[in-house]
N, C-alpha and C. Protein backbone atom coordinates (compact mmCIF):
# COMPACT_ATOMS: atom_id res chain seq x y z
N MET A 1 53.66 64.33 97.11
CA MET A 1 52.31 64.76 97.45
C MET A 1 51.70 63.72 98.37
N SER A 2 50.91 64.15 99.31
CA SER A 2 50.27 63.22 100.22
C SER A 2 48.78 63.46 100.22
N ASN A 3 48.08 62.42 100.64
CA ASN A 3 46.66 62.60 100.84
C ASN A 3 46.23 61.73 101.99
N ALA A 4 45.16 62.06 102.60
CA ALA A 4 44.61 61.25 103.69
C ALA A 4 43.22 60.83 103.28
N ALA A 5 42.89 59.64 103.65
CA ALA A 5 41.56 59.12 103.33
C ALA A 5 41.00 58.47 104.59
N GLU A 6 39.74 58.25 104.55
CA GLU A 6 39.07 57.62 105.69
C GLU A 6 38.25 56.47 105.15
N ARG A 7 38.33 55.34 105.85
CA ARG A 7 37.51 54.20 105.50
C ARG A 7 36.68 53.86 106.71
N THR A 8 35.44 53.50 106.50
CA THR A 8 34.59 53.08 107.59
C THR A 8 34.22 51.63 107.38
N ASN A 9 34.41 50.84 108.42
CA ASN A 9 34.03 49.44 108.39
C ASN A 9 32.70 49.34 109.12
N THR A 10 31.62 49.22 108.38
CA THR A 10 30.30 49.24 109.01
C THR A 10 30.06 48.03 109.89
N ALA A 11 30.68 46.90 109.59
CA ALA A 11 30.47 45.71 110.42
C ALA A 11 31.01 45.92 111.83
N GLU A 12 32.10 46.63 111.93
CA GLU A 12 32.72 46.85 113.24
C GLU A 12 32.53 48.29 113.72
N THR A 13 31.96 49.13 112.90
CA THR A 13 31.80 50.56 113.19
C THR A 13 33.11 51.20 113.65
N THR A 14 34.21 50.80 113.03
CA THR A 14 35.48 51.47 113.28
C THR A 14 35.95 52.13 111.99
N ARG A 15 36.83 53.09 112.15
CA ARG A 15 37.37 53.80 110.99
C ARG A 15 38.85 53.54 110.88
N THR A 16 39.34 53.69 109.66
CA THR A 16 40.75 53.55 109.36
C THR A 16 41.25 54.83 108.72
N LEU A 17 42.33 55.35 109.25
CA LEU A 17 42.99 56.51 108.67
C LEU A 17 44.01 56.00 107.67
N VAL A 18 44.02 56.57 106.47
CA VAL A 18 44.98 56.19 105.44
C VAL A 18 45.72 57.45 104.99
N VAL A 19 47.05 57.38 105.02
CA VAL A 19 47.88 58.47 104.51
C VAL A 19 48.86 57.85 103.52
N GLU A 20 48.99 58.45 102.35
CA GLU A 20 49.85 57.91 101.31
C GLU A 20 50.74 59.00 100.73
N ARG A 21 51.94 58.57 100.34
CA ARG A 21 52.87 59.51 99.70
C ARG A 21 53.88 58.72 98.88
N VAL A 22 54.32 59.28 97.77
CA VAL A 22 55.42 58.70 97.00
C VAL A 22 56.68 59.47 97.36
N PHE A 23 57.68 58.71 97.80
CA PHE A 23 58.98 59.28 98.14
C PHE A 23 59.97 58.94 97.03
N PRO A 24 60.82 59.89 96.63
CA PRO A 24 61.76 59.63 95.53
C PRO A 24 62.99 58.85 95.99
N HIS A 25 62.76 57.71 96.60
CA HIS A 25 63.83 56.86 97.13
C HIS A 25 63.44 55.41 96.92
N PRO A 26 64.44 54.51 96.85
CA PRO A 26 64.12 53.08 96.67
C PRO A 26 63.47 52.49 97.93
N PRO A 27 62.71 51.40 97.76
CA PRO A 27 62.05 50.77 98.91
C PRO A 27 63.01 50.40 100.04
N GLU A 28 64.21 49.97 99.69
CA GLU A 28 65.18 49.57 100.72
C GLU A 28 65.52 50.72 101.66
N LYS A 29 65.62 51.91 101.11
CA LYS A 29 65.93 53.08 101.94
C LYS A 29 64.76 53.41 102.87
N LEU A 30 63.54 53.33 102.35
CA LEU A 30 62.35 53.56 103.18
C LEU A 30 62.26 52.50 104.27
N TRP A 31 62.54 51.25 103.91
CA TRP A 31 62.46 50.16 104.88
C TRP A 31 63.41 50.40 106.05
N ARG A 32 64.62 50.83 105.75
CA ARG A 32 65.58 51.13 106.83
C ARG A 32 65.04 52.22 107.74
N ALA A 33 64.42 53.24 107.17
CA ALA A 33 63.87 54.34 107.97
C ALA A 33 62.71 53.87 108.85
N LEU A 34 62.01 52.82 108.42
CA LEU A 34 60.90 52.28 109.19
C LEU A 34 61.34 51.28 110.25
N THR A 35 62.50 50.65 110.06
CA THR A 35 62.85 49.52 110.91
C THR A 35 64.15 49.66 111.69
N GLU A 36 64.93 50.68 111.44
CA GLU A 36 66.15 50.90 112.21
C GLU A 36 65.87 51.96 113.26
N SER A 37 65.96 51.55 114.52
CA SER A 37 65.56 52.41 115.63
C SER A 37 66.15 53.82 115.58
N PRO A 38 67.46 53.99 115.34
CA PRO A 38 68.00 55.36 115.31
C PRO A 38 67.39 56.21 114.20
N LEU A 39 67.14 55.61 113.03
CA LEU A 39 66.51 56.36 111.94
C LEU A 39 65.06 56.66 112.26
N LEU A 40 64.37 55.69 112.81
CA LEU A 40 62.97 55.87 113.21
C LEU A 40 62.83 57.03 114.20
N ALA A 41 63.80 57.12 115.11
CA ALA A 41 63.79 58.20 116.11
C ALA A 41 63.97 59.57 115.46
N GLN A 42 64.66 59.62 114.34
CA GLN A 42 64.90 60.90 113.68
C GLN A 42 63.64 61.49 113.06
N TRP A 43 62.72 60.63 112.63
CA TRP A 43 61.53 61.18 111.96
C TRP A 43 60.24 60.95 112.72
N MET A 44 60.24 60.03 113.68
CA MET A 44 59.00 59.79 114.41
C MET A 44 59.19 60.14 115.88
N MET A 45 59.62 59.17 116.67
CA MET A 45 59.83 59.39 118.10
C MET A 45 60.96 58.48 118.58
N ASN A 46 61.55 58.85 119.72
CA ASN A 46 62.50 57.95 120.37
C ASN A 46 61.81 56.63 120.63
N ASN A 47 62.58 55.52 120.55
CA ASN A 47 61.96 54.21 120.62
C ASN A 47 62.98 53.14 120.96
N ASP A 48 62.48 51.97 121.27
CA ASP A 48 63.32 50.79 121.44
C ASP A 48 62.85 49.68 120.49
N PHE A 49 62.48 50.09 119.28
CA PHE A 49 61.96 49.19 118.25
C PHE A 49 63.02 48.21 117.78
N GLU A 50 62.61 46.98 117.56
CA GLU A 50 63.40 45.97 116.85
C GLU A 50 62.42 45.24 115.92
N PRO A 51 62.83 45.01 114.66
CA PRO A 51 61.92 44.38 113.70
C PRO A 51 61.80 42.87 113.90
N VAL A 52 61.15 42.47 114.99
CA VAL A 52 60.97 41.07 115.34
C VAL A 52 59.50 40.88 115.71
N VAL A 53 58.80 39.99 115.02
CA VAL A 53 57.39 39.74 115.33
C VAL A 53 57.25 39.33 116.80
N GLY A 54 56.31 39.95 117.48
CA GLY A 54 56.07 39.68 118.90
C GLY A 54 56.84 40.60 119.83
N ARG A 55 57.77 41.38 119.30
CA ARG A 55 58.57 42.29 120.11
C ARG A 55 57.72 43.45 120.60
N LYS A 56 57.68 43.64 121.92
CA LYS A 56 57.00 44.80 122.50
C LYS A 56 58.01 45.94 122.56
N PHE A 57 57.55 47.14 122.23
CA PHE A 57 58.43 48.31 122.25
C PHE A 57 57.60 49.54 122.55
N GLN A 58 58.29 50.64 122.78
CA GLN A 58 57.60 51.90 123.06
C GLN A 58 58.19 53.03 122.24
N PHE A 59 57.32 53.95 121.88
CA PHE A 59 57.72 55.25 121.37
C PHE A 59 57.60 56.22 122.54
N HIS A 60 58.50 57.20 122.59
CA HIS A 60 58.47 58.20 123.65
C HIS A 60 58.51 59.60 123.05
N ALA A 61 57.53 60.41 123.42
CA ALA A 61 57.47 61.82 123.01
C ALA A 61 57.38 62.66 124.27
N ASP A 62 57.45 63.97 124.11
CA ASP A 62 57.28 64.85 125.26
C ASP A 62 55.85 64.73 125.78
N PRO A 63 55.69 64.55 127.09
CA PRO A 63 54.34 64.49 127.65
C PRO A 63 53.58 65.78 127.39
N MET A 64 52.26 65.67 127.32
CA MET A 64 51.39 66.83 127.13
C MET A 64 50.12 66.59 127.93
N PRO A 65 49.27 67.58 128.05
CA PRO A 65 48.04 67.38 128.82
C PRO A 65 47.27 66.15 128.33
N ASN A 66 46.87 65.30 129.24
CA ASN A 66 46.09 64.09 128.96
C ASN A 66 46.87 63.01 128.22
N TRP A 67 48.21 63.12 128.17
CA TRP A 67 49.01 62.06 127.55
C TRP A 67 50.41 62.10 128.13
N ASN A 68 50.89 60.93 128.57
CA ASN A 68 52.21 60.85 129.19
C ASN A 68 53.35 60.76 128.18
N GLY A 69 53.03 60.76 126.88
CA GLY A 69 54.06 60.74 125.86
C GLY A 69 54.52 59.35 125.47
N VAL A 70 53.90 58.30 126.02
CA VAL A 70 54.31 56.93 125.74
C VAL A 70 53.30 56.23 124.84
N VAL A 71 53.81 55.58 123.80
CA VAL A 71 52.99 54.74 122.93
C VAL A 71 53.50 53.31 123.10
N ASP A 72 52.62 52.44 123.57
CA ASP A 72 52.96 51.03 123.75
C ASP A 72 52.63 50.28 122.47
N CYS A 73 53.60 49.50 121.98
CA CYS A 73 53.44 48.82 120.70
C CYS A 73 53.93 47.38 120.78
N GLU A 74 53.50 46.60 119.79
CA GLU A 74 54.01 45.25 119.60
C GLU A 74 54.04 44.96 118.11
N VAL A 75 55.17 44.44 117.64
CA VAL A 75 55.30 44.10 116.22
C VAL A 75 54.36 42.94 115.90
N LEU A 76 53.46 43.14 114.94
CA LEU A 76 52.47 42.13 114.56
C LEU A 76 52.89 41.32 113.35
N SER A 77 53.48 41.98 112.35
CA SER A 77 53.90 41.27 111.15
C SER A 77 54.99 42.05 110.43
N ILE A 78 55.82 41.28 109.75
CA ILE A 78 56.90 41.86 108.95
C ILE A 78 57.00 41.08 107.64
N ASP A 79 56.99 41.79 106.55
CA ASP A 79 57.27 41.23 105.23
C ASP A 79 58.35 42.15 104.67
N PRO A 80 59.62 41.79 104.84
CA PRO A 80 60.73 42.71 104.55
C PRO A 80 60.60 43.47 103.24
N ILE A 81 60.83 44.75 103.37
CA ILE A 81 60.82 45.73 102.29
C ILE A 81 59.45 45.90 101.65
N GLN A 82 58.39 45.32 102.26
CA GLN A 82 57.05 45.47 101.71
C GLN A 82 56.02 45.90 102.75
N ARG A 83 55.96 45.19 103.90
CA ARG A 83 54.91 45.49 104.88
C ARG A 83 55.44 45.36 106.30
N LEU A 84 54.96 46.26 107.14
CA LEU A 84 55.29 46.24 108.56
C LEU A 84 54.04 46.65 109.32
N SER A 85 53.70 45.89 110.36
CA SER A 85 52.51 46.21 111.15
C SER A 85 52.84 46.08 112.63
N TYR A 86 52.28 47.02 113.41
CA TYR A 86 52.39 46.91 114.86
C TYR A 86 51.18 47.53 115.53
N SER A 87 50.94 47.07 116.76
CA SER A 87 49.88 47.67 117.56
C SER A 87 50.36 49.03 118.03
N TRP A 88 49.42 49.90 118.39
CA TRP A 88 49.72 51.27 118.79
C TRP A 88 48.72 51.61 119.89
N GLY A 89 49.19 51.74 121.11
CA GLY A 89 48.28 52.01 122.22
C GLY A 89 48.79 53.11 123.12
N VAL A 90 47.86 53.92 123.60
CA VAL A 90 48.21 54.98 124.55
C VAL A 90 47.29 54.87 125.76
N GLY A 91 47.81 55.26 126.91
CA GLY A 91 47.00 55.30 128.12
C GLY A 91 46.82 53.97 128.81
N GLY A 92 47.61 52.96 128.42
CA GLY A 92 47.49 51.66 129.06
C GLY A 92 46.43 50.78 128.41
N SER A 93 46.47 49.51 128.72
CA SER A 93 45.60 48.53 128.04
C SER A 93 44.12 48.72 128.37
N ASP A 94 43.81 49.40 129.48
CA ASP A 94 42.42 49.62 129.85
C ASP A 94 41.82 50.90 129.27
N SER A 95 42.63 51.69 128.54
CA SER A 95 42.18 52.99 128.06
C SER A 95 41.22 52.91 126.88
N GLY A 96 41.26 51.80 126.14
CA GLY A 96 40.46 51.70 124.91
C GLY A 96 41.10 52.42 123.75
N LEU A 97 42.28 52.98 123.96
CA LEU A 97 42.98 53.72 122.90
C LEU A 97 44.04 52.80 122.30
N GLN A 98 43.55 51.80 121.55
CA GLN A 98 44.41 50.78 120.95
C GLN A 98 44.07 50.69 119.47
N TRP A 99 45.10 50.75 118.64
CA TRP A 99 44.91 50.68 117.20
C TRP A 99 45.96 49.77 116.58
N VAL A 100 45.87 49.58 115.27
CA VAL A 100 46.87 48.84 114.51
C VAL A 100 47.39 49.75 113.41
N VAL A 101 48.72 49.80 113.28
CA VAL A 101 49.39 50.59 112.24
C VAL A 101 49.97 49.61 111.22
N LEU A 102 49.75 49.89 109.95
CA LEU A 102 50.28 49.07 108.87
C LEU A 102 50.95 49.97 107.84
N PHE A 103 52.23 49.71 107.59
CA PHE A 103 52.97 50.39 106.52
C PHE A 103 53.06 49.43 105.35
N THR A 104 52.78 49.93 104.15
CA THR A 104 52.94 49.15 102.93
C THR A 104 53.83 49.95 101.98
N LEU A 105 54.90 49.31 101.49
CA LEU A 105 55.82 49.93 100.55
C LEU A 105 55.64 49.26 99.19
N THR A 106 55.47 50.08 98.15
CA THR A 106 55.30 49.56 96.80
C THR A 106 56.19 50.36 95.87
N PRO A 107 57.03 49.68 95.08
CA PRO A 107 57.82 50.44 94.10
C PRO A 107 56.89 51.25 93.19
N ALA A 108 57.30 52.47 92.91
CA ALA A 108 56.50 53.36 92.06
C ALA A 108 57.45 54.08 91.11
N GLU A 109 56.89 54.62 90.06
CA GLU A 109 57.71 55.39 89.14
C GLU A 109 58.36 56.53 89.89
N GLY A 110 59.67 56.57 89.86
CA GLY A 110 60.40 57.64 90.53
C GLY A 110 60.60 57.43 92.01
N GLY A 111 60.30 56.24 92.54
CA GLY A 111 60.54 56.04 93.96
C GLY A 111 59.70 54.93 94.57
N THR A 112 59.15 55.23 95.75
CA THR A 112 58.40 54.24 96.51
C THR A 112 57.11 54.86 97.03
N HIS A 113 56.01 54.16 96.80
CA HIS A 113 54.71 54.56 97.34
C HIS A 113 54.62 54.00 98.76
N VAL A 114 54.43 54.89 99.73
CA VAL A 114 54.28 54.49 101.13
C VAL A 114 52.84 54.75 101.54
N ARG A 115 52.24 53.72 102.09
CA ARG A 115 50.86 53.81 102.58
C ARG A 115 50.87 53.44 104.05
N ILE A 116 50.32 54.30 104.88
CA ILE A 116 50.14 54.00 106.30
C ILE A 116 48.65 53.91 106.55
N GLU A 117 48.26 52.86 107.24
CA GLU A 117 46.87 52.71 107.68
C GLU A 117 46.91 52.59 109.20
N GLN A 118 46.13 53.38 109.87
CA GLN A 118 45.95 53.22 111.32
C GLN A 118 44.48 52.88 111.50
N SER A 119 44.21 51.66 111.95
CA SER A 119 42.84 51.17 111.99
C SER A 119 42.37 50.93 113.41
N GLY A 120 41.03 50.91 113.54
CA GLY A 120 40.41 50.58 114.81
C GLY A 120 39.84 51.76 115.57
N PHE A 121 39.69 52.92 114.91
CA PHE A 121 39.12 54.09 115.58
C PHE A 121 37.62 53.90 115.76
N ARG A 122 37.16 53.93 116.99
CA ARG A 122 35.72 53.84 117.27
C ARG A 122 35.06 55.19 117.00
N PRO A 123 33.73 55.20 116.85
CA PRO A 123 33.03 56.46 116.59
C PRO A 123 33.27 57.53 117.67
N ASP A 124 33.49 57.12 118.91
CA ASP A 124 33.71 58.10 119.98
C ASP A 124 35.16 58.57 120.07
N GLN A 125 35.97 58.20 119.09
CA GLN A 125 37.39 58.57 119.11
C GLN A 125 37.74 59.58 118.02
N GLN A 126 36.84 60.52 117.76
CA GLN A 126 37.06 61.51 116.72
C GLN A 126 38.32 62.34 116.99
N ALA A 127 38.54 62.74 118.24
CA ALA A 127 39.72 63.55 118.57
C ALA A 127 40.99 62.74 118.31
N ALA A 128 40.99 61.47 118.67
CA ALA A 128 42.16 60.61 118.42
C ALA A 128 42.38 60.44 116.92
N PHE A 129 41.30 60.28 116.17
CA PHE A 129 41.40 60.13 114.71
C PHE A 129 42.03 61.39 114.10
N GLN A 130 41.54 62.55 114.50
CA GLN A 130 42.07 63.81 113.98
C GLN A 130 43.52 64.00 114.40
N GLY A 131 43.83 63.64 115.65
CA GLY A 131 45.21 63.75 116.12
C GLY A 131 46.14 62.84 115.35
N ALA A 132 45.69 61.63 115.04
CA ALA A 132 46.50 60.70 114.26
C ALA A 132 46.73 61.23 112.86
N ASN A 133 45.71 61.79 112.23
CA ASN A 133 45.86 62.36 110.90
C ASN A 133 46.91 63.46 110.92
N TYR A 134 46.82 64.36 111.88
CA TYR A 134 47.81 65.43 112.02
C TYR A 134 49.19 64.84 112.23
N GLY A 135 49.29 63.87 113.14
CA GLY A 135 50.58 63.27 113.48
C GLY A 135 51.24 62.59 112.30
N TRP A 136 50.49 61.79 111.54
CA TRP A 136 51.10 61.09 110.41
C TRP A 136 51.52 62.05 109.31
N GLN A 137 50.76 63.10 109.09
CA GLN A 137 51.18 64.12 108.09
C GLN A 137 52.51 64.74 108.53
N LYS A 138 52.60 65.07 109.81
CA LYS A 138 53.84 65.66 110.34
C LYS A 138 54.99 64.66 110.26
N PHE A 139 54.73 63.41 110.66
CA PHE A 139 55.78 62.38 110.60
C PHE A 139 56.28 62.19 109.17
N PHE A 140 55.37 62.16 108.19
CA PHE A 140 55.79 61.96 106.81
C PHE A 140 56.66 63.12 106.33
N GLY A 141 56.34 64.34 106.77
CA GLY A 141 57.19 65.49 106.43
C GLY A 141 58.58 65.32 107.02
N SER A 142 58.65 64.86 108.25
CA SER A 142 59.95 64.62 108.89
C SER A 142 60.69 63.47 108.21
N LEU A 143 59.97 62.43 107.82
CA LEU A 143 60.58 61.30 107.12
C LEU A 143 61.22 61.78 105.81
N GLU A 144 60.52 62.64 105.10
CA GLU A 144 61.05 63.17 103.84
C GLU A 144 62.37 63.91 104.08
N ARG A 145 62.43 64.71 105.14
CA ARG A 145 63.66 65.44 105.46
C ARG A 145 64.79 64.48 105.82
N VAL A 146 64.49 63.44 106.60
CA VAL A 146 65.51 62.46 106.97
C VAL A 146 66.03 61.74 105.72
N LEU A 147 65.12 61.31 104.85
CA LEU A 147 65.52 60.59 103.64
C LEU A 147 66.38 61.47 102.72
N ASN A 148 66.12 62.76 102.75
CA ASN A 148 66.87 63.69 101.93
C ASN A 148 68.17 64.14 102.60
N GLY A 149 68.48 63.55 103.75
CA GLY A 149 69.75 63.85 104.41
C GLY A 149 69.72 64.99 105.39
N GLY A 150 68.52 65.53 105.68
CA GLY A 150 68.41 66.64 106.63
C GLY A 150 68.02 66.15 108.01
N ALA A 151 68.11 67.02 108.96
CA ALA A 151 67.69 66.69 110.32
C ALA A 151 66.17 66.74 110.41
N ALA A 152 65.63 65.90 111.28
CA ALA A 152 64.18 65.84 111.43
C ALA A 152 63.66 67.09 112.10
């Protein structure tokens, strides 16, 4: 089961999207899906990700109106099998469409609790916030299929 929540940081007037789900798999299996580029491509997007702090990488999706399909990222922090964070930007560094993604893995009864936070949404970025919510729900569904041995 998944749920999405919203947090507002009044000091910065930015919002954070939170999506959580318990997967019936051990944390090590989830970690591989988050950090091994070929597995990541199966449930999220094609990429050149490497789990190295400071590593710049990109996700690539099919272009669509008002988006070239490229997400520019940089690994911010890694705590193996527990936390992974990277920047997430679209439209270039001048676009203002820059956020931070944080995955947290916690052992749970029957599997692993996965929490994704995408933070830094400004009040004028409602469409981006809604798009991110839709995207992470879809990604988590694909992740579940990959973890269960199916194609994304």
